[in-house]
N, C-alpha and C. Protein backbone atom coordinates (compact mmCIF):
# COMPACT_ATOMS: atom_id res chain seq x y z
N MET A 1 -9.27 -33.63 0.38
CA MET A 1 -9.87 -32.82 1.13
C MET A 1 -8.84 -31.77 1.66
N GLY A 2 -8.25 -31.93 2.49
CA GLY A 2 -7.16 -31.35 3.25
C GLY A 2 -6.53 -30.44 2.59
N LYS A 3 -5.98 -31.19 1.10
CA LYS A 3 -4.95 -30.43 0.29
C LYS A 3 -5.46 -29.07 -0.36
N LYS A 4 -7.01 -29.40 -0.66
CA LYS A 4 -7.74 -28.39 -1.21
C LYS A 4 -8.03 -27.23 -0.11
N LEU A 5 -7.90 -27.59 1.08
CA LEU A 5 -8.24 -26.67 2.11
C LEU A 5 -7.01 -25.80 2.27
N GLY A 6 -5.98 -26.58 2.31
CA GLY A 6 -4.65 -25.86 2.57
C GLY A 6 -4.30 -24.94 1.09
N ASN A 7 -4.86 -24.99 0.12
CA ASN A 7 -4.69 -23.89 -0.90
C ASN A 7 -4.99 -22.62 -0.37
N PHE A 8 -4.18 -21.40 -0.61
CA PHE A 8 -4.64 -20.32 0.05
C PHE A 8 -5.61 -19.37 -0.71
N GLY A 9 -5.95 -19.59 -2.01
CA GLY A 9 -7.14 -19.24 -2.62
C GLY A 9 -8.47 -19.66 -2.18
N VAL A 10 -8.60 -21.05 -1.77
CA VAL A 10 -9.87 -21.74 -0.99
C VAL A 10 -9.92 -21.39 -0.01
N GLN A 11 -8.67 -20.98 0.84
CA GLN A 11 -8.95 -20.14 1.94
C GLN A 11 -9.54 -18.68 2.18
N ILE A 12 -9.14 -18.07 1.25
CA ILE A 12 -9.51 -16.56 0.68
C ILE A 12 -11.02 -16.98 0.67
N THR A 13 -11.30 -17.77 -0.25
CA THR A 13 -12.81 -17.93 -0.75
C THR A 13 -13.33 -18.52 0.64
N ILE A 14 -13.15 -19.19 1.41
CA ILE A 14 -13.95 -19.67 2.70
C ILE A 14 -14.09 -18.30 3.48
N GLY A 15 -13.06 -17.66 3.67
CA GLY A 15 -13.05 -16.25 4.67
C GLY A 15 -13.75 -15.36 4.31
N LEU A 16 -14.14 -15.25 2.69
CA LEU A 16 -15.02 -14.25 2.05
C LEU A 16 -16.59 -14.43 2.60
N ILE A 17 -16.85 -15.90 2.19
CA ILE A 17 -18.23 -16.73 2.66
C ILE A 17 -18.48 -16.39 4.12
N ALA A 18 -17.44 -16.83 4.95
CA ALA A 18 -17.58 -16.74 6.53
C ALA A 18 -17.95 -14.89 6.76
N GLY A 19 -17.29 -14.32 6.20
CA GLY A 19 -17.38 -12.91 6.38
C GLY A 19 -18.83 -12.51 6.23
N ILE A 20 -19.34 -12.92 5.00
CA ILE A 20 -21.07 -12.59 4.73
C ILE A 20 -21.74 -13.23 5.99
N ILE A 21 -21.58 -14.40 6.48
CA ILE A 21 -22.49 -15.07 7.11
C ILE A 21 -22.16 -14.28 8.68
N LEU A 22 -20.97 -14.02 8.99
CA LEU A 22 -20.51 -13.41 10.60
C LEU A 22 -21.18 -12.04 10.35
N GLY A 23 -21.31 -11.59 9.33
CA GLY A 23 -21.93 -10.16 9.43
C GLY A 23 -23.21 -9.95 9.24
N LEU A 24 -24.14 -11.01 8.76
CA LEU A 24 -25.38 -11.30 9.00
C LEU A 24 -25.81 -11.55 10.35
N ILE A 25 -24.96 -12.39 11.01
CA ILE A 25 -25.29 -12.90 12.66
C ILE A 25 -24.87 -11.61 13.36
N ALA A 26 -23.84 -10.82 13.04
CA ALA A 26 -23.49 -9.81 14.01
C ALA A 26 -24.41 -8.53 13.82
N ARG A 27 -25.47 -8.40 12.99
CA ARG A 27 -26.54 -7.56 13.29
C ARG A 27 -27.34 -7.37 14.23
N ASN A 28 -27.34 -8.91 14.73
CA ASN A 28 -28.39 -8.93 16.00
C ASN A 28 -27.47 -9.41 17.38
N ILE A 29 -25.99 -9.31 17.10
CA ILE A 29 -25.20 -9.69 18.23
C ILE A 29 -24.34 -8.59 18.37
N GLY A 30 -24.06 -7.71 18.98
CA GLY A 30 -23.44 -6.70 19.18
C GLY A 30 -22.07 -6.90 19.58
N TRP A 31 -21.64 -7.72 20.38
CA TRP A 31 -20.28 -8.09 20.74
C TRP A 31 -19.60 -8.79 19.66
N LEU A 32 -20.30 -9.54 18.64
CA LEU A 32 -19.80 -10.01 17.43
C LEU A 32 -19.31 -8.87 16.51
N GLY A 33 -20.05 -7.98 16.54
CA GLY A 33 -19.80 -6.95 15.17
C GLY A 33 -18.62 -6.09 16.14
N GLY A 34 -18.38 -6.04 17.10
CA GLY A 34 -17.25 -5.13 17.88
C GLY A 34 -16.03 -5.88 17.88
N THR A 35 -16.54 -7.19 17.86
CA THR A 35 -15.22 -8.19 17.53
C THR A 35 -14.57 -8.52 16.04
N LEU A 36 -15.35 -8.43 15.29
CA LEU A 36 -15.01 -8.48 13.95
C LEU A 36 -14.24 -7.20 13.50
N SER A 37 -15.18 -5.91 14.35
CA SER A 37 -14.42 -4.65 13.85
C SER A 37 -12.92 -4.50 14.47
N TRP A 38 -12.75 -5.18 15.46
CA TRP A 38 -11.17 -5.17 16.00
C TRP A 38 -10.48 -5.85 15.33
N LEU A 39 -10.80 -7.12 14.90
CA LEU A 39 -10.10 -8.08 14.16
C LEU A 39 -9.61 -7.26 12.99
N GLY A 40 -10.47 -7.02 11.92
CA GLY A 40 -10.38 -6.11 10.94
C GLY A 40 -9.46 -5.01 10.68
N ASP A 41 -9.57 -4.26 12.09
CA ASP A 41 -8.53 -2.94 12.05
C ASP A 41 -7.31 -3.60 12.52
N THR A 42 -7.05 -4.50 13.45
CA THR A 42 -5.84 -4.83 13.75
C THR A 42 -4.78 -5.47 12.42
N TYR A 43 -5.61 -6.26 11.60
CA TYR A 43 -4.98 -6.67 10.37
C TYR A 43 -4.41 -5.62 9.57
N VAL A 44 -5.42 -4.55 9.25
CA VAL A 44 -4.94 -3.59 8.58
C VAL A 44 -3.98 -2.77 9.10
N GLN A 45 -3.89 -2.73 10.26
CA GLN A 45 -2.76 -2.26 10.99
C GLN A 45 -1.46 -3.01 10.98
N LEU A 46 -1.64 -4.31 10.95
CA LEU A 46 -0.60 -5.23 10.87
C LEU A 46 0.43 -4.87 9.37
N LEU A 47 -0.50 -4.62 8.27
CA LEU A 47 -0.19 -4.54 7.09
C LEU A 47 0.42 -3.08 6.77
N LYS A 48 -0.17 -2.14 7.43
CA LYS A 48 0.36 -0.96 7.49
C LYS A 48 1.64 -0.53 7.98
N VAL A 49 2.10 -1.29 8.86
CA VAL A 49 3.35 -1.54 9.90
C VAL A 49 4.53 -1.79 8.78
N MET A 50 4.23 -2.84 7.82
CA MET A 50 4.95 -3.49 7.18
C MET A 50 5.29 -2.58 6.00
N ILE A 51 4.80 -1.52 5.55
CA ILE A 51 4.62 -0.67 4.16
C ILE A 51 5.83 0.08 4.33
N ALA A 52 6.10 0.73 5.12
CA ALA A 52 7.17 1.54 5.36
C ALA A 52 8.83 0.94 5.03
N PRO A 53 9.04 -0.02 6.16
CA PRO A 53 10.20 -1.00 5.64
C PRO A 53 9.95 -1.54 4.28
N LEU A 54 9.13 -2.09 3.99
CA LEU A 54 8.64 -2.77 2.40
C LEU A 54 9.31 -1.48 1.46
N ILE A 55 8.66 -0.78 1.44
CA ILE A 55 9.30 0.27 0.43
C ILE A 55 10.38 0.42 0.44
N PHE A 56 11.18 0.85 1.63
CA PHE A 56 12.58 1.85 1.74
C PHE A 56 13.51 0.46 1.17
N THR A 57 13.77 -0.67 1.46
CA THR A 57 14.22 -1.73 1.39
C THR A 57 14.20 -2.13 -0.18
N ALA A 58 12.88 -2.14 -0.34
CA ALA A 58 12.59 -2.85 -2.04
C ALA A 58 13.15 -2.05 -3.17
N VAL A 59 13.10 -0.59 -2.81
CA VAL A 59 13.27 0.48 -3.71
C VAL A 59 15.12 0.80 -3.57
N VAL A 60 15.54 0.56 -2.57
CA VAL A 60 17.09 0.67 -2.32
C VAL A 60 17.51 -0.48 -3.04
N THR A 61 17.35 -1.87 -2.93
CA THR A 61 17.83 -2.71 -3.27
C THR A 61 17.46 -2.91 -4.75
N SER A 62 16.27 -2.45 -5.49
CA SER A 62 16.07 -2.39 -6.56
C SER A 62 16.93 -1.42 -7.63
N ILE A 63 17.21 -0.22 -7.13
CA ILE A 63 18.12 0.84 -7.74
C ILE A 63 19.85 -0.02 -7.67
N ALA A 64 20.07 -0.62 -6.33
CA ALA A 64 21.14 -0.94 -6.36
C ALA A 64 21.76 -2.10 -7.11
N ASN A 65 20.57 -2.87 -7.68
CA ASN A 65 20.97 -4.05 -8.57
C ASN A 65 20.90 -3.46 -10.04
N LEU A 66 20.90 -2.40 -10.11
CA LEU A 66 20.79 -1.87 -11.70
C LEU A 66 22.36 -1.96 -12.23
N ARG A 67 23.04 -1.89 -11.45
CA ARG A 67 24.59 -1.74 -11.54
C ARG A 67 25.02 -3.34 -11.94
N GLN A 68 24.03 -4.35 -11.63
CA GLN A 68 24.51 -5.94 -12.38
C GLN A 68 23.59 -5.76 -13.58
N VAL A 69 22.67 -4.73 -13.97
CA VAL A 69 22.41 -5.24 -15.36
C VAL A 69 22.73 -4.09 -16.48
N THR A 70 23.04 -4.93 -17.36
CA THR A 70 23.38 -4.05 -18.85
C THR A 70 22.16 -3.16 -19.30
N ASN A 71 22.72 -1.98 -19.94
CA ASN A 71 21.44 -1.10 -20.52
C ASN A 71 20.40 -0.60 -19.26
N ALA A 72 20.92 -0.39 -18.15
CA ALA A 72 20.22 -0.14 -17.14
C ALA A 72 19.28 1.37 -17.53
N ALA A 73 20.27 2.46 -18.34
CA ALA A 73 19.14 3.27 -18.60
C ALA A 73 18.04 3.28 -19.23
N ARG A 74 18.05 2.42 -20.03
CA ARG A 74 17.27 1.56 -21.31
C ARG A 74 16.04 0.73 -20.86
N LEU A 75 16.57 0.11 -19.67
CA LEU A 75 15.71 -0.55 -18.69
C LEU A 75 14.63 0.22 -18.33
N ALA A 76 15.30 1.47 -17.60
CA ALA A 76 14.36 2.18 -16.71
C ALA A 76 13.41 3.04 -17.61
N ALA A 77 14.20 3.39 -19.05
CA ALA A 77 12.88 4.25 -19.76
C ALA A 77 12.10 3.46 -20.26
N HIS A 78 12.09 1.95 -20.37
CA HIS A 78 10.82 1.19 -20.82
C HIS A 78 9.91 1.01 -19.72
N THR A 79 10.37 0.95 -18.68
CA THR A 79 9.62 0.68 -17.10
C THR A 79 8.81 2.03 -16.95
N LEU A 80 9.19 3.10 -17.16
CA LEU A 80 8.80 4.35 -17.02
C LEU A 80 7.61 4.30 -18.00
N ILE A 81 8.19 4.11 -19.65
CA ILE A 81 7.12 4.08 -20.81
C ILE A 81 5.72 3.09 -20.64
N TRP A 82 6.09 1.81 -20.01
CA TRP A 82 5.28 1.17 -19.45
C TRP A 82 4.24 1.50 -18.46
N PHE A 83 4.86 2.29 -17.30
CA PHE A 83 3.93 2.61 -16.44
C PHE A 83 3.12 3.72 -16.83
N ALA A 84 3.42 4.29 -17.53
CA ALA A 84 2.90 5.92 -18.41
C ALA A 84 1.66 5.07 -18.96
N VAL A 85 1.61 4.08 -19.72
CA VAL A 85 0.76 3.18 -20.57
C VAL A 85 -0.21 2.77 -19.70
N THR A 86 0.34 2.11 -18.79
CA THR A 86 -0.55 1.18 -17.99
C THR A 86 -1.68 2.07 -17.11
N ALA A 87 -0.90 3.25 -16.73
CA ALA A 87 -1.63 4.36 -16.09
C ALA A 87 -2.67 4.88 -16.68
N PHE A 88 -2.18 5.30 -18.08
CA PHE A 88 -3.37 5.99 -19.08
C PHE A 88 -4.66 4.97 -19.40
N LEU A 89 -4.17 3.84 -19.42
CA LEU A 89 -5.46 2.67 -19.81
C LEU A 89 -6.30 2.57 -18.78
N ALA A 90 -5.37 2.80 -17.45
CA ALA A 90 -6.33 2.60 -16.06
C ALA A 90 -7.34 3.67 -16.05
N VAL A 91 -6.55 5.08 -16.30
CA VAL A 91 -7.49 6.36 -15.92
C VAL A 91 -8.69 6.45 -17.07
N SER A 92 -8.25 5.81 -18.48
CA SER A 92 -9.18 6.01 -19.45
C SER A 92 -10.26 4.96 -19.43
N SER A 93 -10.12 3.87 -18.80
CA SER A 93 -11.04 2.49 -18.15
C SER A 93 -12.20 3.25 -17.29
N ALA A 94 -11.44 3.96 -16.31
CA ALA A 94 -12.31 4.53 -15.14
C ALA A 94 -13.25 5.20 -15.90
N ILE A 95 -12.52 6.57 -16.45
CA ILE A 95 -13.47 7.42 -17.12
C ILE A 95 -14.50 7.15 -18.12
N ILE A 96 -14.37 6.02 -18.78
CA ILE A 96 -15.31 5.44 -19.65
C ILE A 96 -16.74 4.65 -18.97
N LEU A 97 -16.11 3.99 -17.69
CA LEU A 97 -16.90 3.56 -17.15
C LEU A 97 -17.76 4.28 -16.25
N GLY A 98 -17.37 5.55 -15.97
CA GLY A 98 -18.07 6.34 -15.22
C GLY A 98 -18.98 7.26 -16.13
N ILE A 99 -18.44 7.40 -17.46
CA ILE A 99 -19.53 7.95 -18.20
C ILE A 99 -21.09 6.92 -18.43
N LEU A 100 -20.27 5.55 -18.69
CA LEU A 100 -21.40 4.66 -19.01
C LEU A 100 -22.43 4.41 -18.03
N ILE A 101 -21.51 4.22 -16.62
CA ILE A 101 -22.46 3.91 -15.29
C ILE A 101 -23.42 4.85 -14.72
N GLN A 102 -22.78 6.31 -15.05
CA GLN A 102 -22.88 7.21 -14.01
C GLN A 102 -23.00 7.34 -12.81
N PRO A 103 -22.16 6.74 -11.98
CA PRO A 103 -22.39 6.73 -10.63
C PRO A 103 -22.91 7.97 -9.69
N GLY A 104 -23.47 7.74 -8.96
CA GLY A 104 -24.28 9.05 -8.17
C GLY A 104 -25.31 9.55 -8.85
N ALA A 105 -25.57 9.22 -9.97
CA ALA A 105 -26.80 9.81 -10.77
C ALA A 105 -28.12 9.55 -9.88
N GLY A 106 -29.04 10.80 -9.84
CA GLY A 106 -29.90 10.65 -8.98
C GLY A 106 -30.19 10.89 -7.75
N VAL A 107 -29.09 11.28 -7.08
CA VAL A 107 -28.63 11.31 -5.73
C VAL A 107 -28.97 12.68 -5.52
N ASP A 108 -29.41 12.96 -4.13
CA ASP A 108 -29.65 14.62 -3.97
C ASP A 108 -28.30 14.84 -2.94
N ALA A 109 -27.76 16.05 -4.13
CA ALA A 109 -26.58 16.55 -3.64
C ALA A 109 -26.76 17.80 -2.85
N SER A 110 -28.13 18.09 -2.62
CA SER A 110 -28.41 19.42 -2.33
C SER A 110 -27.67 20.04 -1.07
N ALA A 111 -27.63 18.98 -0.08
CA ALA A 111 -26.79 19.24 1.18
C ALA A 111 -25.03 19.12 1.32
N ALA A 112 -24.69 18.97 -0.10
CA ALA A 112 -23.46 18.80 0.14
C ALA A 112 -22.81 20.12 -0.22
N GLN A 113 -21.43 20.36 0.32
CA GLN A 113 -20.82 21.73 0.29
C GLN A 113 -19.78 21.40 -0.24
N GLU A 114 -19.26 22.63 -0.91
CA GLU A 114 -17.84 22.61 -1.67
C GLU A 114 -16.78 22.82 -0.70
N PRO A 115 -15.77 21.89 -1.44
CA PRO A 115 -14.35 21.77 -0.52
C PRO A 115 -13.96 23.27 -0.03
N ALA A 116 -13.07 23.05 1.01
CA ALA A 116 -12.64 24.72 1.40
C ALA A 116 -11.34 24.62 0.46
N THR A 117 -10.54 23.86 0.38
CA THR A 117 -9.37 23.83 -0.85
C THR A 117 -9.40 23.25 -1.87
N THR A 118 -8.80 23.42 -3.10
CA THR A 118 -8.63 22.27 -3.97
C THR A 118 -6.99 22.07 -4.16
N GLY A 119 -6.86 21.06 -4.68
CA GLY A 119 -5.26 20.63 -5.02
C GLY A 119 -5.03 21.58 -6.35
N SER A 120 -3.65 21.35 -6.49
CA SER A 120 -2.94 21.83 -7.74
C SER A 120 -1.74 21.07 -7.65
N TRP A 121 -1.38 21.04 -9.01
CA TRP A 121 0.05 20.42 -9.33
C TRP A 121 0.92 20.92 -8.47
N LEU A 122 1.31 22.20 -8.03
CA LEU A 122 2.21 22.71 -7.57
C LEU A 122 2.17 22.26 -6.05
N GLY A 123 0.86 22.33 -5.55
CA GLY A 123 0.88 21.36 -4.30
C GLY A 123 1.10 19.81 -4.00
N PHE A 124 0.96 19.18 -5.54
CA PHE A 124 1.21 17.92 -5.29
C PHE A 124 2.80 17.84 -5.45
N LEU A 125 3.59 18.53 -6.24
CA LEU A 125 5.09 18.37 -5.93
C LEU A 125 5.36 18.91 -5.02
N ASN A 126 4.85 19.80 -3.94
CA ASN A 126 5.23 20.20 -2.67
C ASN A 126 4.89 19.28 -1.82
N SER A 127 4.12 18.25 -2.00
CA SER A 127 3.69 17.09 -0.97
C SER A 127 4.43 16.03 -1.33
N VAL A 128 5.51 16.03 -2.46
CA VAL A 128 6.25 14.89 -2.64
C VAL A 128 7.67 14.93 -1.95
N ILE A 129 8.02 16.45 -1.77
CA ILE A 129 9.41 16.92 -1.39
C ILE A 129 9.43 16.22 0.04
N PRO A 130 10.21 15.72 0.52
CA PRO A 130 10.39 14.99 2.03
C PRO A 130 10.26 16.20 2.85
N SER A 131 9.79 15.97 3.90
CA SER A 131 9.70 16.83 4.87
C SER A 131 10.62 16.47 6.30
N ASN A 132 11.22 15.19 6.10
CA ASN A 132 12.21 14.58 6.98
C ASN A 132 12.73 13.20 6.33
N ILE A 133 13.68 12.68 7.13
CA ILE A 133 14.60 11.56 6.09
C ILE A 133 13.35 10.33 6.36
N LEU A 134 12.53 10.31 6.98
CA LEU A 134 11.63 9.10 7.34
C LEU A 134 10.29 9.48 6.57
N GLY A 135 9.89 10.53 5.96
CA GLY A 135 8.90 10.71 5.55
C GLY A 135 7.66 10.73 6.26
N LEU A 136 7.88 11.23 7.89
CA LEU A 136 6.79 10.65 8.66
C LEU A 136 6.18 12.46 8.85
N GLY A 137 4.73 12.14 9.50
CA GLY A 137 4.07 13.20 9.61
C GLY A 137 3.05 12.91 10.93
N ALA A 138 2.99 13.79 11.49
CA ALA A 138 2.03 13.66 12.65
C ALA A 138 0.66 14.49 12.39
N LYS A 139 -0.64 13.78 12.99
CA LYS A 139 -1.79 14.36 12.74
C LYS A 139 -2.60 14.26 14.16
N LEU A 140 -3.57 15.20 14.34
CA LEU A 140 -4.31 15.16 15.96
C LEU A 140 -5.46 14.17 15.50
N LYS A 141 -5.68 13.17 16.31
CA LYS A 141 -6.71 12.24 15.72
C LYS A 141 -7.62 11.84 17.20
N ASN A 142 -8.84 12.46 17.13
CA ASN A 142 -9.36 11.90 18.80
C ASN A 142 -8.66 12.67 19.84
N GLY A 143 -8.30 13.83 19.89
CA GLY A 143 -7.49 14.19 20.94
C GLY A 143 -5.90 13.92 21.36
N SER A 144 -5.61 12.65 20.32
CA SER A 144 -4.06 12.48 20.47
C SER A 144 -3.36 12.41 19.26
N VAL A 145 -2.18 12.63 19.57
CA VAL A 145 -1.11 12.83 18.09
C VAL A 145 -1.10 11.39 17.59
N ALA A 146 -0.99 11.32 16.31
CA ALA A 146 -0.93 9.79 15.45
C ALA A 146 0.10 10.30 14.49
N LEU A 147 1.14 9.17 14.57
CA LEU A 147 2.11 9.40 13.62
C LEU A 147 1.68 8.33 11.98
N ASP A 148 2.10 9.28 10.89
CA ASP A 148 1.89 8.71 9.74
C ASP A 148 3.00 8.85 9.04
N PHE A 149 2.99 7.90 7.33
CA PHE A 149 4.34 8.34 6.56
C PHE A 149 3.56 8.58 5.16
N ASN A 150 4.19 9.44 4.73
CA ASN A 150 4.04 9.91 3.09
C ASN A 150 4.60 8.61 2.08
N ALA A 151 3.87 7.88 1.59
CA ALA A 151 4.56 6.85 0.73
C ALA A 151 5.19 7.59 -0.43
N LEU A 152 4.64 8.61 -1.00
CA LEU A 152 5.43 9.21 -1.87
C LEU A 152 6.87 9.79 -1.39
N GLN A 153 7.01 10.30 -0.45
CA GLN A 153 8.27 11.08 0.30
C GLN A 153 9.11 9.72 0.41
N LEU A 154 8.66 8.59 0.85
CA LEU A 154 9.40 7.62 1.36
C LEU A 154 10.14 7.02 -0.19
N ILE A 155 9.17 7.07 -0.88
CA ILE A 155 9.63 6.49 -2.21
C ILE A 155 10.86 7.53 -2.56
N VAL A 156 10.63 8.48 -2.69
CA VAL A 156 11.66 9.56 -3.22
C VAL A 156 13.04 9.53 -2.34
N ILE A 157 12.88 9.46 -0.97
CA ILE A 157 13.92 9.24 -0.28
C ILE A 157 14.90 8.34 -0.39
N SER A 158 13.92 6.83 -0.65
CA SER A 158 14.49 5.82 -0.84
C SER A 158 15.34 5.85 -2.28
N MET A 159 14.41 6.46 -3.55
CA MET A 159 15.21 6.70 -4.45
C MET A 159 16.66 7.43 -4.50
N ALA A 160 16.66 8.28 -3.84
CA ALA A 160 17.62 9.19 -3.60
C ALA A 160 19.10 8.84 -2.87
N ILE A 161 18.68 7.85 -1.64
CA ILE A 161 19.48 6.99 -1.16
C ILE A 161 20.20 5.78 -1.66
N GLY A 162 19.25 5.13 -2.80
CA GLY A 162 19.73 4.20 -3.52
C GLY A 162 20.63 4.80 -4.44
N ILE A 163 20.39 5.82 -5.45
CA ILE A 163 21.06 6.35 -6.09
C ILE A 163 22.44 6.76 -5.84
N ALA A 164 22.44 7.28 -4.32
CA ALA A 164 23.64 7.82 -3.64
C ALA A 164 24.73 6.25 -3.39
N ALA A 165 23.92 5.62 -3.03
CA ALA A 165 24.90 4.31 -2.39
C ALA A 165 25.50 3.59 -4.06
N LEU A 166 24.93 4.03 -5.19
CA LEU A 166 25.25 3.42 -6.36
C LEU A 166 26.73 4.21 -6.70
N LYS A 167 26.41 5.65 -6.30
CA LYS A 167 27.53 6.66 -6.82
C LYS A 167 28.68 6.16 -5.74
N ALA A 168 28.32 5.99 -4.22
CA ALA A 168 29.36 5.72 -3.34
C ALA A 168 30.36 4.43 -3.90
N GLY A 169 29.77 3.56 -4.82
CA GLY A 169 30.74 2.52 -4.95
C GLY A 169 30.93 1.14 -3.72
N LYS A 170 32.23 1.12 -3.90
CA LYS A 170 32.44 -0.35 -2.85
C LYS A 170 32.17 0.15 -1.35
N ALA A 171 32.10 1.26 -1.08
CA ALA A 171 31.96 1.98 0.34
C ALA A 171 30.29 1.83 1.06
N ALA A 172 29.51 1.31 -0.01
CA ALA A 172 28.22 1.26 0.16
C ALA A 172 27.59 -0.09 0.35
N ASP A 173 28.68 -0.86 0.18
CA ASP A 173 28.98 -2.31 -0.37
C ASP A 173 27.83 -3.05 1.11
N PRO A 174 28.59 -2.52 2.25
CA PRO A 174 27.90 -3.08 3.39
C PRO A 174 26.32 -2.81 3.84
N PHE A 175 26.16 -1.43 3.88
CA PHE A 175 25.04 -0.88 3.60
C PHE A 175 23.96 -1.54 2.87
N LEU A 176 24.35 -2.05 1.49
CA LEU A 176 23.34 -2.45 0.52
C LEU A 176 23.39 -3.94 0.93
N ARG A 177 24.15 -4.75 1.73
CA ARG A 177 23.90 -6.43 1.69
C ARG A 177 23.16 -5.97 3.06
N PHE A 178 23.21 -5.18 3.82
CA PHE A 178 22.42 -5.27 4.88
C PHE A 178 20.94 -4.98 4.66
N THR A 179 20.68 -4.04 3.64
CA THR A 179 19.38 -3.77 3.28
C THR A 179 18.54 -4.86 2.44
N GLU A 180 19.57 -5.47 1.57
CA GLU A 180 18.99 -6.79 1.05
C GLU A 180 18.80 -7.77 1.87
N SER A 181 19.54 -7.80 3.02
CA SER A 181 19.29 -8.80 4.00
C SER A 181 17.57 -8.36 4.89
N LEU A 182 17.71 -7.16 5.06
CA LEU A 182 16.42 -6.90 5.88
C LEU A 182 15.24 -6.80 4.85
N LEU A 183 15.34 -6.57 3.69
CA LEU A 183 14.37 -7.09 2.25
C LEU A 183 13.66 -8.23 2.87
N LYS A 184 14.64 -9.39 2.77
CA LYS A 184 14.28 -10.47 2.73
C LYS A 184 13.65 -10.88 4.19
N ILE A 185 13.99 -10.39 5.29
CA ILE A 185 13.34 -10.30 6.72
C ILE A 185 11.92 -9.65 6.54
N VAL A 186 12.06 -8.78 6.13
CA VAL A 186 10.45 -7.87 5.81
C VAL A 186 9.57 -8.73 5.14
N GLN A 187 10.00 -9.58 3.73
CA GLN A 187 9.21 -10.20 3.14
C GLN A 187 8.45 -11.32 3.77
N VAL A 188 9.61 -11.83 4.79
CA VAL A 188 9.19 -13.24 5.56
C VAL A 188 8.04 -12.77 6.64
N VAL A 189 8.20 -11.63 7.13
CA VAL A 189 7.19 -11.22 8.29
C VAL A 189 5.97 -10.52 7.57
N LEU A 190 5.88 -10.25 6.42
CA LEU A 190 4.83 -9.76 5.51
C LEU A 190 4.11 -11.15 4.92
N TRP A 191 5.11 -12.13 4.70
CA TRP A 191 3.94 -13.31 4.33
C TRP A 191 3.36 -14.08 5.62
N TRP A 192 4.17 -13.63 6.77
CA TRP A 192 3.31 -14.27 7.84
C TRP A 192 2.04 -13.61 7.89
N ILE A 193 1.94 -12.10 7.68
CA ILE A 193 0.75 -11.65 8.06
C ILE A 193 -0.30 -11.55 6.75
N ILE A 194 0.50 -12.02 5.64
CA ILE A 194 -0.65 -12.34 4.25
C ILE A 194 -1.20 -13.76 4.80
N ARG A 195 -0.48 -14.57 5.36
CA ARG A 195 -1.50 -16.12 5.75
C ARG A 195 -2.63 -15.60 6.63
N LEU A 196 -2.47 -14.59 7.22
CA LEU A 196 -3.58 -14.27 7.84
C LEU A 196 -5.00 -13.91 7.63
N ALA A 197 -4.64 -13.61 6.06
CA ALA A 197 -5.49 -12.76 5.15
C ALA A 197 -7.19 -13.35 5.27
N PRO A 198 -7.14 -14.89 5.20
CA PRO A 198 -8.72 -15.22 5.27
C PRO A 198 -9.20 -14.91 6.50
N ILE A 199 -8.64 -14.61 7.62
CA ILE A 199 -9.21 -14.39 8.88
C ILE A 199 -9.53 -12.91 8.92
N GLY A 200 -8.54 -12.00 8.26
CA GLY A 200 -8.70 -10.53 8.16
C GLY A 200 -9.68 -10.24 7.21
N THR A 201 -9.70 -10.96 5.78
CA THR A 201 -10.92 -10.96 5.11
C THR A 201 -12.36 -10.89 5.92
N ALA A 202 -12.45 -12.22 6.57
CA ALA A 202 -13.72 -12.37 7.12
C ALA A 202 -13.96 -11.28 7.88
N ALA A 203 -13.18 -11.03 8.71
CA ALA A 203 -13.61 -9.68 9.66
C ALA A 203 -13.95 -8.58 8.96
N LEU A 204 -13.25 -8.14 8.08
CA LEU A 204 -13.56 -6.86 7.23
C LEU A 204 -14.51 -6.93 6.75
N LEU A 205 -15.12 -7.84 6.05
CA LEU A 205 -16.12 -8.05 5.32
C LEU A 205 -17.25 -8.29 5.93
N GLY A 206 -17.10 -8.79 7.38
CA GLY A 206 -18.13 -9.24 8.14
C GLY A 206 -18.82 -7.65 8.90
């Protein structure tokens, strides 16, 4: 029994069940709802904190490791093709499901307003171009300035630094060793946070 409870999948399942039960109880207990909200927001925030260092170190390290792989260009081409195929299948499945299920059918949208602005491919490309070395941005939220990062910009920056490190040769070896070591540390910290997933799942679902 103890071994089963120690299984991570079992813990997640228990978290899901506990979340449903706690959510039903929280309907009549105000402080419980506030506590669940705080726990859920805290867990999400912990995950968000690790996204930026994980993206940077993983992308730079992966590009650097290409020098140890023969036919790296062919591998990169196959990766892009596989990504395009899977993305096409995902989008096609979503479109087919949307046509079959008709989500939102029958909903009164008379009060809805058209968006003030619309996107474009040029706007998307501009958003990918890094605005600073860290891909950071600032937004005014509830009267205070909140810093956030653009994941696509960070990926572009990380790819550029990784390719530059390859071109720099042996001079970049200390930097690449540091990046690889930092990636290992980030993965350990991320695993600690993931181990809290049963609690975070229960709180978010609740």
